[in-house]
C-alpha atoms as a PDB file:
ATOM      1  CA  MET A   1       0.000   0.000   0.000  1.00  0.00           C
ATOM      2  CA  GLU A   2       2.801   2.401   0.929  1.00  0.00           C
ATOM      3  CA  ARG A   3       4.625   1.612  -2.334  1.00  0.00           C
ATOM      4  CA  GLU A   4       1.459   2.395  -4.298  1.00  0.00           C
ATOM      5  CA  ILE A   5       1.048   5.761  -2.577  1.00  0.00           C
ATOM      6  CA  SER A   6       4.715   6.597  -3.147  1.00  0.00           C
ATOM      7  CA  TRP A   7       4.397   5.786  -6.853  1.00  0.00           C
ATOM      8  CA  GLN A   8       1.294   7.994  -7.134  1.00  0.00           C
ATOM      9  CA  LYS A   9       3.186  10.907  -5.572  1.00  0.00           C
ATOM     10  CA  ARG A  10       6.081  10.491  -8.009  1.00  0.00           C
ATOM     11  CA  SER A  11       3.605  10.347 -10.918  1.00  0.00           C
ATOM     12  CA  ILE A  12       1.929  13.580  -9.781  1.00  0.00           C
ATOM     13  CA  LYS A  13       5.312  15.323  -9.550  1.00  0.00           C
ATOM     14  CA  MET A  14       6.231  14.155 -13.068  1.00  0.00           C
ATOM     15  CA  ILE A  15       2.896  15.377 -14.461  1.00  0.00           C
ATOM     16  CA  SER A  16       3.328  18.715 -12.664  1.00  0.00           C
ATOM     17  CA  LYS A  17       6.787  19.203 -14.187  1.00  0.00           C
ATOM     18  CA  GLU A  18       5.480  18.355 -17.670  1.00  0.00           C
ATOM     19  CA  SER A  19       2.531  20.731 -17.239  1.00  0.00           C
ATOM     20  CA  LYS A  20       4.796  23.522 -16.031  1.00  0.00           C
ATOM     21  CA  ALA A  21       7.143  23.014 -18.985  1.00  0.00           C
ATOM     22  CA  LEU A  22       4.182  23.029 -21.393  1.00  0.00           C
ATOM     23  CA  ILE A  23       2.773  26.237 -19.913  1.00  0.00           C
ATOM     24  CA  LEU A  24       6.146  27.987 -20.100  1.00  0.00           C
ATOM     25  CA  GLU A  25       6.619  26.870 -23.700  1.00  0.00           C
ATOM     26  CA  ASN A  26       3.178  28.212 -24.650  1.00  0.00           C
ATOM     27  CA  LEU A  27       3.947  31.549 -23.002  1.00  0.00           C
ATOM     28  CA  ARG A  28       7.310  31.737 -24.753  1.00  0.00           C
ATOM     29  CA  SER A  29       5.700  31.026 -28.148  1.00  0.00           C
ATOM     30  CA  THR A  30       3.038  33.682 -27.556  1.00  0.00           C
ATOM     31  CA  LEU A  31       5.623  36.340 -26.684  1.00  0.00           C
ATOM     32  CA  ILE A  32       7.661  35.540 -29.791  1.00  0.00           C
ATOM     33  CA  GLU A  33       4.523  35.769 -31.952  1.00  0.00           C
ATOM     34  CA  GLU A  34       3.530  39.118 -30.414  1.00  0.00           C
ATOM     35  CA  GLU A  35       7.022  40.473 -31.088  1.00  0.00           C
ATOM     36  CA  LYS A  36       6.730  39.426 -34.750  1.00  0.00           C
ATOM     37  CA  ILE A  37       3.341  41.134 -35.058  1.00  0.00           C
ATOM     38  CA  SER A  38       4.698  44.299 -33.424  1.00  0.00           C
ATOM     39  CA  GLU A  39       7.661  44.411 -35.806  1.00  0.00           C
ATOM     40  CA  SER A  40       5.466  43.890 -38.871  1.00  0.00           C
ATOM     41  CA  ALA A  41       3.086  46.679 -37.805  1.00  0.00           C
ATOM     42  CA  GLU A  42       5.764  49.358 -37.469  1.00  0.00           C
ATOM     43  CA  GLY A  43       5.634  50.372 -41.115  1.00  0.00           C
ATOM     44  CA  VAL A  44       1.843  50.715 -41.311  1.00  0.00           C
ATOM     45  CA  PHE A  45       1.564  54.274 -40.005  1.00  0.00           C
ATOM     46  CA  LEU A  46       2.414  57.426 -41.886  1.00  0.00           C
ATOM     47  CA  ASN A  47       5.446  59.416 -40.878  1.00  0.00           C
ATOM     48  CA  PRO A  48       4.011  62.143 -38.593  1.00  0.00           C
ATOM     49  CA  LYS A  49       6.795  64.511 -39.635  1.00  0.00           C
ATOM     50  CA  LEU A  50       5.955  64.220 -43.322  1.00  0.00           C
ATOM     51  CA  SER A  51       6.009  67.709 -44.808  1.00  0.00           C
ATOM     52  CA  ILE A  52       2.721  68.537 -46.569  1.00  0.00           C
ATOM     53  CA  ASP A  53       1.732  71.825 -48.164  1.00  0.00           C
ATOM     54  CA  GLN A  54      -0.730  73.702 -45.923  1.00  0.00           C
ATOM     55  CA  LYS A  55      -2.941  74.624 -48.868  1.00  0.00           C
ATOM     56  CA  LYS A  56      -3.249  70.944 -49.761  1.00  0.00           C
ATOM     57  CA  LEU A  57      -4.206  70.164 -46.164  1.00  0.00           C
ATOM     58  CA  GLU A  58      -6.908  72.824 -46.342  1.00  0.00           C
ATOM     59  CA  ASN A  59      -8.287  71.434 -49.608  1.00  0.00           C
ATOM     60  CA  ASP A  60      -8.222  67.859 -48.276  1.00  0.00           C
ATOM     61  CA  PHE A  61     -10.050  68.899 -45.122  1.00  0.00           C
ATOM     62  CA  ILE A  62     -12.740  70.728 -47.105  1.00  0.00           C
ATOM     63  CA  GLU A  63     -13.243  67.772 -49.440  1.00  0.00           C
ATOM     64  CA  ASN A  64     -13.503  65.249 -46.607  1.00  0.00           C
ATOM     65  CA  PHE A  65     -15.723  67.452 -44.426  1.00  0.00           C
ATOM     66  CA  ASN A  66     -18.104  67.989 -47.340  1.00  0.00           C
ATOM     67  CA  MET A  67     -18.212  64.225 -47.910  1.00  0.00           C
ATOM     68  CA  VAL A  68     -19.696  63.729 -44.430  1.00  0.00           C
ATOM     69  CA  SER A  69     -22.454  66.322 -45.024  1.00  0.00           C
ATOM     70  CA  GLY A  70     -20.560  69.215 -43.471  1.00  0.00           C
ATOM     71  CA  GLU A  71     -20.576  72.790 -44.805  1.00  0.00           C
ATOM     72  CA  VAL A  72     -17.499  74.961 -45.272  1.00  0.00           C
ATOM     73  CA  HIS A  73     -17.225  78.722 -45.762  1.00  0.00           C
ATOM     74  CA  LEU A  74     -13.863  80.257 -46.697  1.00  0.00           C
ATOM     75  CA  LEU A  75     -12.896  83.760 -45.603  1.00  0.00           C
ATOM     76  CA  GLU A  76      -9.873  85.675 -46.790  1.00  0.00           C
ATOM     77  CA  GLU A  77      -9.875  88.210 -43.959  1.00  0.00           C
ATOM     78  CA  GLU A  78     -10.661  87.712 -40.265  1.00  0.00           C
ATOM     79  CA  GLU A  79     -12.619  90.979 -40.346  1.00  0.00           C
ATOM     80  CA  GLU A  80     -15.287  89.167 -42.399  1.00  0.00           C
ATOM     81  CA  LEU A  81     -15.935  86.649 -39.613  1.00  0.00           C
ATOM     82  CA  ILE A  82     -18.591  88.468 -37.575  1.00  0.00           C
ATOM     83  CA  GLU A  83     -20.511  89.467 -40.703  1.00  0.00           C
ATOM     84  CA  LYS A  84     -20.491  85.850 -41.932  1.00  0.00           C
ATOM     85  CA  ILE A  85     -21.661  84.469 -38.554  1.00  0.00           C
ATOM     86  CA  ASN A  86     -24.480  87.028 -38.302  1.00  0.00           C
ATOM     87  CA  GLU A  87     -25.469  86.156 -41.872  1.00  0.00           C
ATOM     88  CA  LEU A  88     -25.607  82.430 -41.034  1.00  0.00           C
ATOM     89  CA  ILE A  89     -27.610  83.026 -37.844  1.00  0.00           C
ATOM     90  CA  ARG A  90     -30.181  85.065 -39.784  1.00  0.00           C
ATOM     91  CA  GLU A  91     -30.336  82.402 -42.516  1.00  0.00           C
ATOM     92  CA  ILE A  92     -30.897  79.683 -39.891  1.00  0.00           C
ATOM     93  CA  GLY A  93     -33.575  81.800 -38.235  1.00  0.00           C
ATOM     94  CA  ALA A  94     -32.029  81.309 -34.799  1.00  0.00           C
ATOM     95  CA  GLN A  95     -33.619  83.027 -31.821  1.00  0.00           C
ATOM     96  CA  SER A  96     -30.832  82.167 -29.393  1.00  0.00           C
ATOM     97  CA  VAL A  97     -27.139  81.307 -29.642  1.00  0.00           C
ATOM     98  CA  SER A  98     -24.428  80.140 -27.281  1.00  0.00           C
ATOM     99  CA  PHE A  99     -20.733  80.621 -27.945  1.00  0.00           C
ATOM    100  CA  TRP A 100     -17.297  80.175 -26.450  1.00  0.00           C
ATOM    101  CA  ASN A 101     -15.560  83.054 -24.696  1.00  0.00           C
ATOM    102  CA  MET A 102     -13.460  84.102 -27.702  1.00  0.00           C
ATOM    103  CA  ASN A 103     -12.315  87.612 -28.591  1.00  0.00           C
ATOM    104  CA  PRO A 104     -13.585  87.491 -32.207  1.00  0.00           C
ATOM    105  CA  LEU A 105     -17.127  86.673 -31.003  1.00  0.00           C
ATOM    106  CA  LYS A 106     -17.519  89.633 -28.647  1.00  0.00           C
ATOM    107  CA  SER A 107     -18.841  91.759 -31.519  1.00  0.00           C
ATOM    108  CA  LEU A 108     -21.749  89.444 -32.362  1.00  0.00           C
ATOM    109  CA  GLU A 109     -25.246  90.901 -32.513  1.00  0.00           C
ATOM    110  CA  PHE A 110     -26.332  88.240 -29.998  1.00  0.00           C
ATOM    111  CA  THR A 111     -25.513  87.528 -26.378  1.00  0.00           C
ATOM    112  CA  SER A 112     -24.448  84.033 -25.344  1.00  0.00           C
ATOM    113  CA  GLU A 113     -27.175  81.943 -23.700  1.00  0.00           C
ATOM    114  CA  ASN A 114     -26.459  79.560 -20.825  1.00  0.00           C
ATOM    115  CA  ASP A 115     -29.451  77.289 -21.459  1.00  0.00           C
ATOM    116  CA  LEU A 116     -27.705  75.112 -24.053  1.00  0.00           C
ATOM    117  CA  ALA A 117     -30.528  72.562 -24.199  1.00  0.00           C
ATOM    118  CA  ASN A 118     -32.837  75.236 -25.648  1.00  0.00           C
ATOM    119  CA  THR A 119     -30.290  77.105 -27.774  1.00  0.00           C
ATOM    120  CA  ASP A 120     -30.641  77.137 -31.570  1.00  0.00           C
ATOM    121  CA  VAL A 121     -26.965  77.548 -32.496  1.00  0.00           C
ATOM    122  CA  GLY A 122     -23.697  76.722 -30.751  1.00  0.00           C
ATOM    123  CA  ILE A 123     -20.553  78.550 -31.895  1.00  0.00           C
ATOM    124  CA  THR A 124     -17.079  77.298 -31.005  1.00  0.00           C
ATOM    125  CA  GLY A 125     -13.485  77.622 -32.040  1.00  0.00           C
ATOM    126  CA  VAL A 126     -11.482  74.648 -33.310  1.00  0.00           C
ATOM    127  CA  ASP A 127      -8.199  73.724 -31.650  1.00  0.00           C
ATOM    128  CA  PHE A 128      -7.117  71.391 -34.462  1.00  0.00           C
ATOM    129  CA  ALA A 129      -8.589  69.800 -37.578  1.00  0.00           C
ATOM    130  CA  ILE A 130      -7.561  66.554 -39.283  1.00  0.00           C
ATOM    131  CA  ALA A 131      -7.377  66.831 -43.075  1.00  0.00           C
ATOM    132  CA  GLU A 132      -7.305  63.071 -43.684  1.00  0.00           C
ATOM    133  CA  THR A 133     -10.773  62.516 -42.194  1.00  0.00           C
ATOM    134  CA  GLY A 134     -12.382  65.966 -42.180  1.00  0.00           C
ATOM    135  CA  THR A 135     -12.473  65.932 -38.371  1.00  0.00           C
ATOM    136  CA  LEU A 136     -12.688  68.837 -35.923  1.00  0.00           C
ATOM    137  CA  VAL A 137     -10.786  68.510 -32.642  1.00  0.00           C
ATOM    138  CA  LEU A 138     -12.092  70.538 -29.692  1.00  0.00           C
ATOM    139  CA  LEU A 139     -10.381  70.716 -26.291  1.00  0.00           C
ATOM    140  CA  SER A 140     -12.781  71.429 -23.448  1.00  0.00           C
ATOM    141  CA  GLY A 141     -12.050  73.926 -20.694  1.00  0.00           C
ATOM    142  CA  PRO A 142     -13.640  76.602 -18.475  1.00  0.00           C
ATOM    143  CA  LYS A 143     -14.021  78.962 -21.442  1.00  0.00           C
ATOM    144  CA  GLN A 144     -14.654  76.159 -23.929  1.00  0.00           C
ATOM    145  CA  PRO A 145     -17.585  74.053 -22.638  1.00  0.00           C
ATOM    146  CA  ARG A 146     -18.005  70.800 -24.555  1.00  0.00           C
ATOM    147  CA  LEU A 147     -21.814  71.000 -24.681  1.00  0.00           C
ATOM    148  CA  THR A 148     -21.714  74.076 -26.933  1.00  0.00           C
ATOM    149  CA  SER A 149     -20.825  71.793 -29.840  1.00  0.00           C
ATOM    150  CA  LEU A 150     -23.092  68.911 -28.764  1.00  0.00           C
ATOM    151  CA  LEU A 151     -26.536  70.153 -27.669  1.00  0.00           C
ATOM    152  CA  PRO A 152     -27.710  72.876 -30.107  1.00  0.00           C
ATOM    153  CA  PRO A 153     -29.152  71.602 -33.426  1.00  0.00           C
ATOM    154  CA  VAL A 154     -26.654  73.705 -35.399  1.00  0.00           C
ATOM    155  CA  HIS A 155     -22.910  73.875 -34.710  1.00  0.00           C
ATOM    156  CA  ILE A 156     -20.807  76.663 -36.234  1.00  0.00           C
ATOM    157  CA  ALA A 157     -17.056  76.112 -35.811  1.00  0.00           C
ATOM    158  CA  ILE A 158     -14.347  78.704 -36.470  1.00  0.00           C
ATOM    159  CA  LEU A 159     -11.179  77.094 -37.825  1.00  0.00           C
ATOM    160  CA  GLU A 160      -7.859  78.861 -38.363  1.00  0.00           C
ATOM    161  CA  ARG A 161      -6.015  77.505 -41.403  1.00  0.00           C
ATOM    162  CA  GLU A 162      -2.740  76.890 -39.598  1.00  0.00           C
ATOM    163  CA  ASN A 163      -4.463  74.488 -37.185  1.00  0.00           C
ATOM    164  CA  ILE A 164      -5.186  71.913 -39.904  1.00  0.00           C
ATOM    165  CA  VAL A 165      -2.918  68.869 -39.571  1.00  0.00           C
ATOM    166  CA  ALA A 166      -2.417  65.917 -41.911  1.00  0.00           C
ATOM    167  CA  ASN A 167      -3.566  63.002 -39.753  1.00  0.00           C
ATOM    168  CA  ILE A 168      -4.156  61.822 -36.201  1.00  0.00           C
ATOM    169  CA  HIS A 169      -0.465  60.981 -35.698  1.00  0.00           C
ATOM    170  CA  VAL A 170       0.536  64.587 -36.369  1.00  0.00           C
ATOM    171  CA  LEU A 171      -2.314  65.696 -34.108  1.00  0.00           C
ATOM    172  CA  PHE A 172      -1.002  63.808 -31.077  1.00  0.00           C
ATOM    173  CA  GLU A 173       2.503  65.085 -31.751  1.00  0.00           C
ATOM    174  CA  ARG A 174       1.131  68.650 -31.765  1.00  0.00           C
ATOM    175  CA  LEU A 175      -0.937  67.974 -28.638  1.00  0.00           C
ATOM    176  CA  GLY A 176       2.179  66.799 -26.818  1.00  0.00           C
ATOM    177  CA  LYS A 177       3.951  70.066 -27.599  1.00  0.00           C
ATOM    178  CA  PHE A 178       0.785  72.059 -26.868  1.00  0.00           C
ATOM    179  CA  TYR A 179       0.498  70.688 -23.325  1.00  0.00           C
ATOM    180  CA  GLU A 180       4.169  71.139 -22.473  1.00  0.00           C
ATOM    181  CA  SER A 181       3.322  74.696 -21.412  1.00  0.00           C
ATOM    182  CA  TYR A 182       0.191  73.766 -19.408  1.00  0.00           C
ATOM    183  CA  ASP A 183      -0.042  72.306 -15.907  1.00  0.00           C
ATOM    184  CA  GLU A 184      -3.334  70.479 -16.506  1.00  0.00           C
ATOM    185  CA  LEU A 185      -4.779  68.447 -19.343  1.00  0.00           C
ATOM    186  CA  CYS A 186      -8.253  69.236 -20.629  1.00  0.00           C
ATOM    187  CA  SER A 187     -11.103  67.107 -19.272  1.00  0.00           C
ATOM    188  CA  CYS A 188     -12.320  66.069 -22.710  1.00  0.00           C
ATOM    189  CA  ILE A 189     -11.197  66.013 -26.338  1.00  0.00           C
ATOM    190  CA  SER A 190     -14.083  65.966 -28.831  1.00  0.00           C
ATOM    191  CA  PHE A 191     -13.565  64.551 -32.324  1.00  0.00           C
ATOM    192  CA  ILE A 192     -16.334  65.803 -34.621  1.00  0.00           C
ATOM    193  CA  THR A 193     -16.665  64.487 -38.164  1.00  0.00           C
ATOM    194  CA  GLY A 194     -19.709  66.158 -39.704  1.00  0.00           C
ATOM    195  CA  PRO A 195     -23.244  66.302 -38.247  1.00  0.00           C
ATOM    196  CA  SER A 196     -24.501  63.757 -35.721  1.00  0.00           C
ATOM    197  CA  ARG A 197     -25.472  60.454 -37.368  1.00  0.00           C
ATOM    198  CA  THR A 198     -27.793  57.733 -36.094  1.00  0.00           C
ATOM    199  CA  ALA A 199     -28.894  54.561 -37.905  1.00  0.00           C
ATOM    200  CA  ASP A 200     -31.631  52.110 -36.908  1.00  0.00           C
ATOM    201  CA  ILE A 201     -31.530  48.321 -37.229  1.00  0.00           C
ATOM    202  CA  GLU A 202     -32.509  48.629 -40.914  1.00  0.00           C
ATOM    203  CA  LEU A 203     -29.567  51.006 -41.511  1.00  0.00           C
ATOM    204  CA  ASN A 204     -31.807  54.017 -42.161  1.00  0.00           C
ATOM    205  CA  LEU A 205     -29.516  56.982 -41.472  1.00  0.00           C
ATOM    206  CA  THR A 206     -30.827  60.092 -39.727  1.00  0.00           C
ATOM    207  CA  LEU A 207     -28.929  63.305 -39.019  1.00  0.00           C
ATOM    208  CA  GLY A 208     -29.260  65.288 -35.826  1.00  0.00           C
ATOM    209  CA  VAL A 209     -30.898  62.794 -33.457  1.00  0.00           C
ATOM    210  CA  HIS A 210     -28.118  62.697 -30.848  1.00  0.00           C
ATOM    211  CA  GLY A 211     -26.366  65.977 -31.641  1.00  0.00           C
ATOM    212  CA  PRO A 212     -26.272  68.813 -34.192  1.00  0.00           C
ATOM    213  CA  GLY A 213     -27.964  67.992 -37.484  1.00  0.00           C
ATOM    214  CA  ARG A 214     -26.017  70.717 -39.239  1.00  0.00           C
ATOM    215  CA  ALA A 215     -22.264  71.285 -38.939  1.00  0.00           C
ATOM    216  CA  ILE A 216     -20.769  74.458 -40.423  1.00  0.00           C
ATOM    217  CA  VAL A 217     -17.076  75.342 -40.501  1.00  0.00           C
ATOM    218  CA  ILE A 218     -15.788  78.844 -41.203  1.00  0.00           C
ATOM    219  CA  ILE A 219     -12.120  78.794 -42.216  1.00  0.00           C
ATOM    220  CA  VAL A 220     -10.200  82.019 -41.578  1.00  0.00           C
END
């Protein structure tokens, strides 16, 4: 009886060693495979330092933003901005607007409303824009509330040409440099690609159900 028990113990030890060796071998194989995948993926992304003409970036952004049902207005002079915004507000028929605390907007014919849920138009700046996808990038802050671009049915965004970047890789490089001079990060980064889109189970697409149904960019 004692011999039988002793043999069983030795068998269990042998099985345990084999199992341990098998587990370690599987882990080793997985790590090697992950390293191969990582190496093969390095060349997929674009070089973020690729030099691209700013005018081409502007044209690419306009083309891609229009493709997602966005509207773009080009201005040659910043002095035209207030006139253009007032013109758009009248065309929309807005009774109330809300806007970021920006110097260019202090001359608007309207005062900024705090009741964003019942505001007709939200007006914001744009911190960056991605040409490759026609995407607006907004950094939230005390003077730049995120809901201004999310709740009103119409969103008007003011984009400075020099803030258009090629792709998301360049964006994060710029963001890194941007925040080097700030103590705190923003609480939210909004990526906006055209008006709000919602589709039901039958893939019927509707604009403006969960956000602005109209997205307008003014490039200055």
